Amino acid sequence: MNKVLFRQVHPKLNENGLSSSAFRPTPSDVDKLSVDCSEMTTAEESFLLHKKKTKKLEDGTLENLETDGAWPIERSLCAAENLPVEPDPIKDDPGQPNNEAHHLIDFTRITAPPKGNPKNKNLAVAKRLRARAQELGRCWPK
């Protein structure tokens, strides 16, 4: 397998088959998709570390993040789609454990089609990333 990035997929995004939504940034992600670099960690370590991350709920309590598994995104496919991959190590963040392998896939270069909904600008790329991830298969758990 080519050099890959591990994308953690929320269980709701794999209930009826792997959703392309798992491979596109949400508005709060500011057009950057969170992944872990396979050259710096394993799929299992990425999976386990993700489950240690927390988010603050409306009532102020913390909840651990969920994941259905680590799915591969090939670096070569990111390059072909004009998606730069940049290191973004996490250190001393209260809601997340330290993670030197953390990277971001930058979707900011993708522009909305001239006659389309700007909210869907990443959809076609996300579908191609999902299709390839499905072909390769989930990395962890096996």
N, C-alpha and C. Protein backbone atom coordinates (compact mmCIF):
# COMPACT_ATOMS: atom_id res chain seq x y z
N MET A 1 0.85 -1.18 0.00
CA MET A 1 0.00 0.00 0.00
C MET A 1 0.90 1.24 0.00
N ASN A 2 0.52 2.24 -0.77
CA ASN A 2 1.23 3.52 -0.77
C ASN A 2 1.28 4.10 0.63
N LYS A 3 2.06 5.16 0.78
CA LYS A 3 2.05 5.89 2.05
C LYS A 3 0.64 6.43 2.24
N VAL A 4 0.11 6.22 3.44
CA VAL A 4 -1.27 6.61 3.69
C VAL A 4 -1.39 7.49 4.93
N LEU A 5 -2.54 8.09 5.01
CA LEU A 5 -2.96 8.88 6.17
C LEU A 5 -4.17 8.15 6.73
N PHE A 6 -4.26 8.09 8.05
CA PHE A 6 -5.38 7.39 8.67
C PHE A 6 -6.46 8.39 9.05
N ARG A 7 -7.66 8.16 8.54
CA ARG A 7 -8.81 9.00 8.84
C ARG A 7 -9.74 8.21 9.76
N GLN A 8 -10.04 8.80 10.92
CA GLN A 8 -10.97 8.18 11.85
C GLN A 8 -12.40 8.53 11.42
N VAL A 9 -13.24 7.52 11.33
CA VAL A 9 -14.61 7.70 10.84
C VAL A 9 -15.59 7.45 11.98
N HIS A 10 -16.45 8.42 12.22
CA HIS A 10 -17.48 8.29 13.25
C HIS A 10 -18.44 7.15 12.87
N PRO A 11 -18.89 6.36 13.84
CA PRO A 11 -19.79 5.24 13.52
C PRO A 11 -21.03 5.65 12.72
N LYS A 12 -21.58 6.83 12.96
CA LYS A 12 -22.77 7.27 12.21
C LYS A 12 -22.47 7.45 10.72
N LEU A 13 -21.20 7.65 10.38
CA LEU A 13 -20.84 7.85 8.97
C LEU A 13 -20.48 6.54 8.28
N ASN A 14 -20.79 5.42 8.96
CA ASN A 14 -20.57 4.11 8.36
C ASN A 14 -21.71 3.16 8.72
N GLU A 15 -22.88 3.71 8.98
CA GLU A 15 -24.03 2.87 9.35
C GLU A 15 -24.60 2.13 8.14
N ASN A 16 -24.72 2.82 7.02
CA ASN A 16 -25.29 2.23 5.80
C ASN A 16 -24.26 2.24 4.68
N GLY A 17 -23.05 1.90 5.02
CA GLY A 17 -21.94 2.00 4.08
C GLY A 17 -21.14 3.26 4.38
N LEU A 18 -19.91 3.25 3.99
CA LEU A 18 -19.01 4.35 4.27
C LEU A 18 -19.46 5.62 3.56
N SER A 19 -19.67 6.68 4.31
CA SER A 19 -20.18 7.94 3.75
C SER A 19 -19.03 8.83 3.29
N SER A 20 -19.25 9.53 2.19
CA SER A 20 -18.25 10.49 1.71
C SER A 20 -18.10 11.65 2.70
N SER A 21 -19.09 11.87 3.54
CA SER A 21 -19.01 12.94 4.55
C SER A 21 -17.83 12.74 5.50
N ALA A 22 -17.40 11.49 5.66
CA ALA A 22 -16.26 11.20 6.53
C ALA A 22 -14.95 11.70 5.92
N PHE A 23 -14.97 12.05 4.65
CA PHE A 23 -13.75 12.43 3.94
C PHE A 23 -13.80 13.87 3.44
N ARG A 24 -14.63 14.66 4.08
CA ARG A 24 -14.65 16.09 3.74
C ARG A 24 -14.75 16.89 5.03
N PRO A 25 -14.07 18.03 5.06
CA PRO A 25 -14.09 18.84 6.28
C PRO A 25 -15.48 19.41 6.55
N THR A 26 -15.79 19.55 7.83
CA THR A 26 -17.02 20.21 8.23
C THR A 26 -16.73 21.72 8.28
N PRO A 27 -17.75 22.56 8.36
CA PRO A 27 -17.50 24.01 8.44
C PRO A 27 -16.58 24.40 9.60
N SER A 28 -16.68 23.71 10.72
CA SER A 28 -15.83 24.05 11.86
C SER A 28 -14.37 23.64 11.64
N ASP A 29 -14.11 22.79 10.64
CA ASP A 29 -12.75 22.36 10.32
C ASP A 29 -11.98 23.37 9.48
N VAL A 30 -12.64 24.42 9.04
CA VAL A 30 -12.04 25.48 8.22
C VAL A 30 -11.32 24.87 7.01
N ASP A 31 -12.00 23.97 6.32
CA ASP A 31 -11.50 23.34 5.09
C ASP A 31 -10.24 22.50 5.26
N LYS A 32 -10.04 21.96 6.45
CA LYS A 32 -8.88 21.10 6.67
C LYS A 32 -9.34 19.83 7.39
N LEU A 33 -8.93 18.69 6.84
CA LEU A 33 -9.36 17.39 7.34
C LEU A 33 -8.28 16.76 8.21
N SER A 34 -8.65 16.34 9.39
CA SER A 34 -7.73 15.77 10.37
C SER A 34 -7.42 14.31 10.06
N VAL A 35 -6.12 13.99 10.02
CA VAL A 35 -5.65 12.62 9.76
C VAL A 35 -4.38 12.37 10.57
N ASP A 36 -3.94 11.12 10.59
CA ASP A 36 -2.66 10.77 11.20
C ASP A 36 -1.78 10.13 10.13
N CYS A 37 -0.50 10.43 10.17
CA CYS A 37 0.48 9.98 9.19
C CYS A 37 0.96 8.56 9.51
N SER A 38 0.83 7.65 8.54
CA SER A 38 1.23 6.26 8.74
C SER A 38 2.74 6.09 8.88
N GLU A 39 3.49 7.09 8.51
CA GLU A 39 4.94 7.00 8.66
C GLU A 39 5.37 7.31 10.10
N MET A 40 4.42 7.79 10.91
CA MET A 40 4.72 8.18 12.29
C MET A 40 3.93 7.40 13.33
N THR A 41 2.92 6.66 12.89
CA THR A 41 2.08 5.90 13.82
C THR A 41 1.47 4.72 13.07
N THR A 42 0.82 3.84 13.80
CA THR A 42 0.11 2.71 13.19
C THR A 42 -1.38 3.02 13.17
N ALA A 43 -2.11 2.26 12.39
CA ALA A 43 -3.56 2.42 12.34
C ALA A 43 -4.18 2.14 13.72
N GLU A 44 -3.67 1.13 14.39
CA GLU A 44 -4.19 0.79 15.72
C GLU A 44 -3.92 1.93 16.71
N GLU A 45 -2.70 2.46 16.72
CA GLU A 45 -2.38 3.56 17.63
C GLU A 45 -3.23 4.80 17.33
N SER A 46 -3.43 5.08 16.05
CA SER A 46 -4.26 6.22 15.66
C SER A 46 -5.69 6.04 16.18
N PHE A 47 -6.22 4.86 16.02
CA PHE A 47 -7.57 4.52 16.48
C PHE A 47 -7.69 4.69 17.99
N LEU A 48 -6.75 4.11 18.73
CA LEU A 48 -6.80 4.17 20.19
C LEU A 48 -6.62 5.59 20.70
N LEU A 49 -5.74 6.35 20.08
CA LEU A 49 -5.51 7.74 20.49
C LEU A 49 -6.75 8.59 20.24
N HIS A 50 -7.41 8.35 19.12
CA HIS A 50 -8.63 9.11 18.80
C HIS A 50 -9.70 8.90 19.87
N LYS A 51 -9.81 7.70 20.38
CA LYS A 51 -10.82 7.39 21.39
C LYS A 51 -10.53 8.07 22.73
N LYS A 52 -9.30 8.58 22.90
CA LYS A 52 -8.95 9.31 24.12
C LYS A 52 -9.27 10.80 24.01
N LYS A 53 -9.57 11.26 22.80
CA LYS A 53 -9.93 12.68 22.61
C LYS A 53 -11.31 12.93 23.21
N THR A 54 -11.53 14.16 23.64
CA THR A 54 -12.83 14.50 24.22
C THR A 54 -13.39 15.75 23.55
N LYS A 55 -14.70 15.89 23.70
CA LYS A 55 -15.36 17.13 23.29
C LYS A 55 -16.25 17.56 24.44
N LYS A 56 -16.43 18.87 24.55
CA LYS A 56 -17.25 19.41 25.63
C LYS A 56 -18.71 19.47 25.17
N LEU A 57 -19.58 18.92 25.97
CA LEU A 57 -21.02 18.94 25.67
C LEU A 57 -21.62 20.25 26.18
N GLU A 58 -22.86 20.51 25.79
CA GLU A 58 -23.54 21.76 26.18
C GLU A 58 -23.62 21.93 27.68
N ASP A 59 -23.74 20.81 28.41
CA ASP A 59 -23.85 20.91 29.87
C ASP A 59 -22.48 21.06 30.55
N GLY A 60 -21.41 21.11 29.74
CA GLY A 60 -20.07 21.31 30.28
C GLY A 60 -19.30 20.03 30.55
N THR A 61 -19.98 18.89 30.46
CA THR A 61 -19.28 17.62 30.69
C THR A 61 -18.48 17.24 29.44
N LEU A 62 -17.51 16.37 29.63
CA LEU A 62 -16.69 15.90 28.52
C LEU A 62 -17.14 14.52 28.08
N GLU A 63 -17.06 14.29 26.79
CA GLU A 63 -17.42 13.00 26.21
C GLU A 63 -16.29 12.56 25.28
N ASN A 64 -15.91 11.28 25.37
CA ASN A 64 -14.88 10.77 24.47
C ASN A 64 -15.41 10.68 23.05
N LEU A 65 -14.53 10.93 22.09
CA LEU A 65 -14.91 10.82 20.69
C LEU A 65 -15.05 9.35 20.31
N GLU A 66 -15.89 9.10 19.33
CA GLU A 66 -16.12 7.75 18.85
C GLU A 66 -15.45 7.57 17.49
N THR A 67 -15.11 6.34 17.17
CA THR A 67 -14.60 6.01 15.84
C THR A 67 -15.01 4.60 15.47
N ASP A 68 -15.35 4.44 14.20
CA ASP A 68 -15.66 3.12 13.65
C ASP A 68 -14.39 2.45 13.16
N GLY A 69 -13.34 3.26 12.99
CA GLY A 69 -12.08 2.69 12.54
C GLY A 69 -11.23 3.68 11.78
N ALA A 70 -10.01 3.26 11.52
CA ALA A 70 -9.03 4.05 10.78
C ALA A 70 -9.09 3.63 9.32
N TRP A 71 -9.41 4.58 8.46
CA TRP A 71 -9.52 4.32 7.02
C TRP A 71 -8.38 5.02 6.29
N PRO A 72 -7.86 4.40 5.23
CA PRO A 72 -6.69 4.96 4.55
C PRO A 72 -7.04 6.02 3.51
N ILE A 73 -6.22 7.05 3.48
CA ILE A 73 -6.25 8.03 2.40
C ILE A 73 -4.83 8.08 1.86
N GLU A 74 -4.66 7.73 0.61
CA GLU A 74 -3.32 7.70 0.03
C GLU A 74 -2.79 9.11 -0.21
N ARG A 75 -1.54 9.31 0.16
CA ARG A 75 -0.89 10.61 -0.09
C ARG A 75 -0.86 10.92 -1.59
N SER A 76 -0.64 9.90 -2.40
CA SER A 76 -0.58 10.12 -3.85
C SER A 76 -1.93 10.61 -4.39
N LEU A 77 -3.02 10.14 -3.82
CA LEU A 77 -4.34 10.61 -4.24
C LEU A 77 -4.55 12.06 -3.81
N CYS A 78 -4.08 12.40 -2.62
CA CYS A 78 -4.16 13.81 -2.18
C CYS A 78 -3.40 14.71 -3.15
N ALA A 79 -2.21 14.28 -3.55
CA ALA A 79 -1.41 15.07 -4.50
C ALA A 79 -2.14 15.19 -5.83
N ALA A 80 -2.72 14.10 -6.32
CA ALA A 80 -3.44 14.13 -7.59
C ALA A 80 -4.67 15.04 -7.53
N GLU A 81 -5.26 15.17 -6.35
CA GLU A 81 -6.44 16.02 -6.17
C GLU A 81 -6.07 17.46 -5.78
N ASN A 82 -4.76 17.76 -5.77
CA ASN A 82 -4.27 19.09 -5.39
C ASN A 82 -4.65 19.44 -3.94
N LEU A 83 -4.50 18.45 -3.07
CA LEU A 83 -4.78 18.62 -1.65
C LEU A 83 -3.47 18.52 -0.88
N PRO A 84 -2.88 19.64 -0.52
CA PRO A 84 -1.64 19.57 0.27
C PRO A 84 -1.89 18.91 1.62
N VAL A 85 -0.88 18.20 2.09
CA VAL A 85 -0.92 17.57 3.40
C VAL A 85 0.15 18.23 4.25
N GLU A 86 -0.25 18.75 5.39
CA GLU A 86 0.69 19.48 6.23
C GLU A 86 0.72 18.93 7.65
N PRO A 87 1.91 18.84 8.24
CA PRO A 87 2.00 18.39 9.63
C PRO A 87 1.28 19.38 10.55
N ASP A 88 0.61 18.85 11.56
CA ASP A 88 -0.09 19.66 12.54
C ASP A 88 -0.03 18.94 13.89
N PRO A 89 1.19 18.77 14.43
CA PRO A 89 1.30 18.02 15.68
C PRO A 89 0.47 18.65 16.80
N ILE A 90 -0.14 17.81 17.59
CA ILE A 90 -0.95 18.27 18.72
C ILE A 90 -0.13 18.11 19.98
N LYS A 91 -0.01 19.21 20.71
CA LYS A 91 0.77 19.19 21.94
C LYS A 91 0.11 20.14 22.94
N ASP A 92 -0.06 19.66 24.14
CA ASP A 92 -0.60 20.46 25.25
C ASP A 92 -1.99 21.04 24.95
N ASP A 93 -2.83 20.27 24.28
CA ASP A 93 -4.23 20.66 24.04
C ASP A 93 -5.06 19.95 25.10
N PRO A 94 -5.83 20.69 25.91
CA PRO A 94 -6.55 20.05 27.02
C PRO A 94 -7.56 18.97 26.60
N GLY A 95 -8.11 19.04 25.39
CA GLY A 95 -9.11 18.06 24.97
C GLY A 95 -8.54 16.89 24.20
N GLN A 96 -7.23 16.91 23.96
CA GLN A 96 -6.64 15.86 23.14
C GLN A 96 -5.30 15.42 23.69
N PRO A 97 -4.99 14.14 23.56
CA PRO A 97 -3.65 13.70 23.94
C PRO A 97 -2.64 14.20 22.91
N ASN A 98 -1.39 14.31 23.31
CA ASN A 98 -0.34 14.71 22.38
C ASN A 98 -0.31 13.74 21.21
N ASN A 99 -0.08 14.27 20.01
CA ASN A 99 -0.09 13.44 18.81
C ASN A 99 0.85 14.05 17.76
N GLU A 100 2.06 13.57 17.74
CA GLU A 100 3.06 14.06 16.76
C GLU A 100 2.69 13.67 15.33
N ALA A 101 1.90 12.62 15.16
CA ALA A 101 1.55 12.12 13.82
C ALA A 101 0.38 12.87 13.18
N HIS A 102 -0.23 13.79 13.91
CA HIS A 102 -1.40 14.50 13.39
C HIS A 102 -1.02 15.38 12.20
N HIS A 103 -1.81 15.28 11.14
CA HIS A 103 -1.63 16.09 9.93
C HIS A 103 -2.99 16.63 9.50
N LEU A 104 -2.97 17.59 8.59
CA LEU A 104 -4.19 18.14 8.02
C LEU A 104 -4.12 18.03 6.50
N ILE A 105 -5.23 17.60 5.90
CA ILE A 105 -5.37 17.64 4.45
C ILE A 105 -6.08 18.95 4.14
N ASP A 106 -5.44 19.77 3.34
CA ASP A 106 -5.91 21.14 3.07
C ASP A 106 -6.82 21.18 1.84
N PHE A 107 -8.09 21.45 2.07
CA PHE A 107 -9.09 21.53 1.00
C PHE A 107 -9.30 22.98 0.53
N THR A 108 -8.52 23.93 1.03
CA THR A 108 -8.79 25.34 0.72
C THR A 108 -8.60 25.69 -0.75
N ARG A 109 -7.85 24.90 -1.49
CA ARG A 109 -7.63 25.20 -2.91
C ARG A 109 -8.81 24.80 -3.79
N ILE A 110 -9.71 24.02 -3.24
CA ILE A 110 -10.87 23.59 -4.02
C ILE A 110 -11.87 24.73 -4.05
N THR A 111 -12.31 25.07 -5.24
CA THR A 111 -13.28 26.15 -5.38
C THR A 111 -14.64 25.58 -5.78
N ALA A 112 -15.66 26.33 -5.46
CA ALA A 112 -17.02 25.89 -5.79
C ALA A 112 -17.21 25.95 -7.30
N PRO A 113 -17.97 25.00 -7.85
CA PRO A 113 -18.27 25.05 -9.28
C PRO A 113 -19.07 26.32 -9.60
N PRO A 114 -18.89 26.88 -10.80
CA PRO A 114 -19.57 28.13 -11.14
C PRO A 114 -21.09 28.09 -10.96
N LYS A 115 -21.70 26.94 -11.27
CA LYS A 115 -23.16 26.82 -11.15
C LYS A 115 -23.50 25.72 -10.17
N GLY A 116 -23.10 25.90 -8.97
CA GLY A 116 -23.40 24.87 -7.99
C GLY A 116 -23.48 25.46 -6.61
N ASN A 117 -23.95 24.65 -5.70
CA ASN A 117 -24.06 25.07 -4.32
C ASN A 117 -22.65 25.13 -3.71
N PRO A 118 -22.22 26.30 -3.21
CA PRO A 118 -20.88 26.39 -2.63
C PRO A 118 -20.65 25.43 -1.47
N LYS A 119 -21.73 25.00 -0.81
CA LYS A 119 -21.59 24.05 0.30
C LYS A 119 -21.13 22.68 -0.19
N ASN A 120 -21.29 22.42 -1.48
CA ASN A 120 -20.93 21.11 -2.04
C ASN A 120 -19.57 21.12 -2.73
N LYS A 121 -18.77 22.16 -2.51
CA LYS A 121 -17.51 22.29 -3.25
C LYS A 121 -16.56 21.12 -3.02
N ASN A 122 -16.59 20.50 -1.87
CA ASN A 122 -15.68 19.38 -1.57
C ASN A 122 -16.28 18.01 -1.86
N LEU A 123 -17.53 17.97 -2.26
CA LEU A 123 -18.24 16.70 -2.36
C LEU A 123 -17.62 15.73 -3.36
N ALA A 124 -17.29 16.20 -4.55
CA ALA A 124 -16.76 15.30 -5.58
C ALA A 124 -15.42 14.70 -5.13
N VAL A 125 -14.57 15.52 -4.55
CA VAL A 125 -13.27 15.03 -4.07
C VAL A 125 -13.49 14.04 -2.92
N ALA A 126 -14.39 14.37 -2.00
CA ALA A 126 -14.66 13.47 -0.88
C ALA A 126 -15.17 12.11 -1.36
N LYS A 127 -15.98 12.12 -2.41
CA LYS A 127 -16.48 10.85 -2.96
C LYS A 127 -15.35 10.01 -3.53
N ARG A 128 -14.38 10.65 -4.18
CA ARG A 128 -13.24 9.91 -4.73
C ARG A 128 -12.35 9.37 -3.60
N LEU A 129 -12.15 10.16 -2.55
CA LEU A 129 -11.36 9.70 -1.40
C LEU A 129 -12.05 8.51 -0.73
N ARG A 130 -13.37 8.61 -0.55
CA ARG A 130 -14.12 7.51 0.06
C ARG A 130 -14.05 6.26 -0.79
N ALA A 131 -14.24 6.40 -2.10
CA ALA A 131 -14.23 5.23 -2.98
C ALA A 131 -12.89 4.50 -2.89
N ARG A 132 -11.81 5.24 -2.88
CA ARG A 132 -10.48 4.62 -2.79
C ARG A 132 -10.26 3.99 -1.41
N ALA A 133 -10.71 4.66 -0.36
CA ALA A 133 -10.59 4.10 0.99
C ALA A 133 -11.35 2.78 1.08
N GLN A 134 -12.52 2.72 0.45
CA GLN A 134 -13.30 1.48 0.46
C GLN A 134 -12.57 0.37 -0.29
N GLU A 135 -11.96 0.72 -1.42
CA GLU A 135 -11.19 -0.27 -2.18
C GLU A 135 -10.06 -0.85 -1.34
N LEU A 136 -9.36 0.02 -0.62
CA LEU A 136 -8.22 -0.41 0.19
C LEU A 136 -8.67 -1.15 1.45
N GLY A 137 -9.81 -0.77 1.99
CA GLY A 137 -10.34 -1.42 3.18
C GLY A 137 -9.87 -0.76 4.47
N ARG A 138 -10.69 -0.90 5.48
CA ARG A 138 -10.37 -0.33 6.79
C ARG A 138 -9.06 -0.92 7.30
N CYS A 139 -8.23 -0.04 7.84
CA CYS A 139 -6.91 -0.46 8.35
C CYS A 139 -6.99 -1.01 9.78
N TRP A 140 -7.89 -0.43 10.59
CA TRP A 140 -8.06 -0.89 11.97
C TRP A 140 -9.43 -0.51 12.46
N PRO A 141 -10.14 -1.35 13.19
CA PRO A 141 -9.82 -2.76 13.40
C PRO A 141 -10.04 -3.54 12.12
N LYS A 142 -9.31 -4.59 11.99
CA LYS A 142 -9.39 -5.44 10.79
C LYS A 142 -10.65 -6.27 10.81
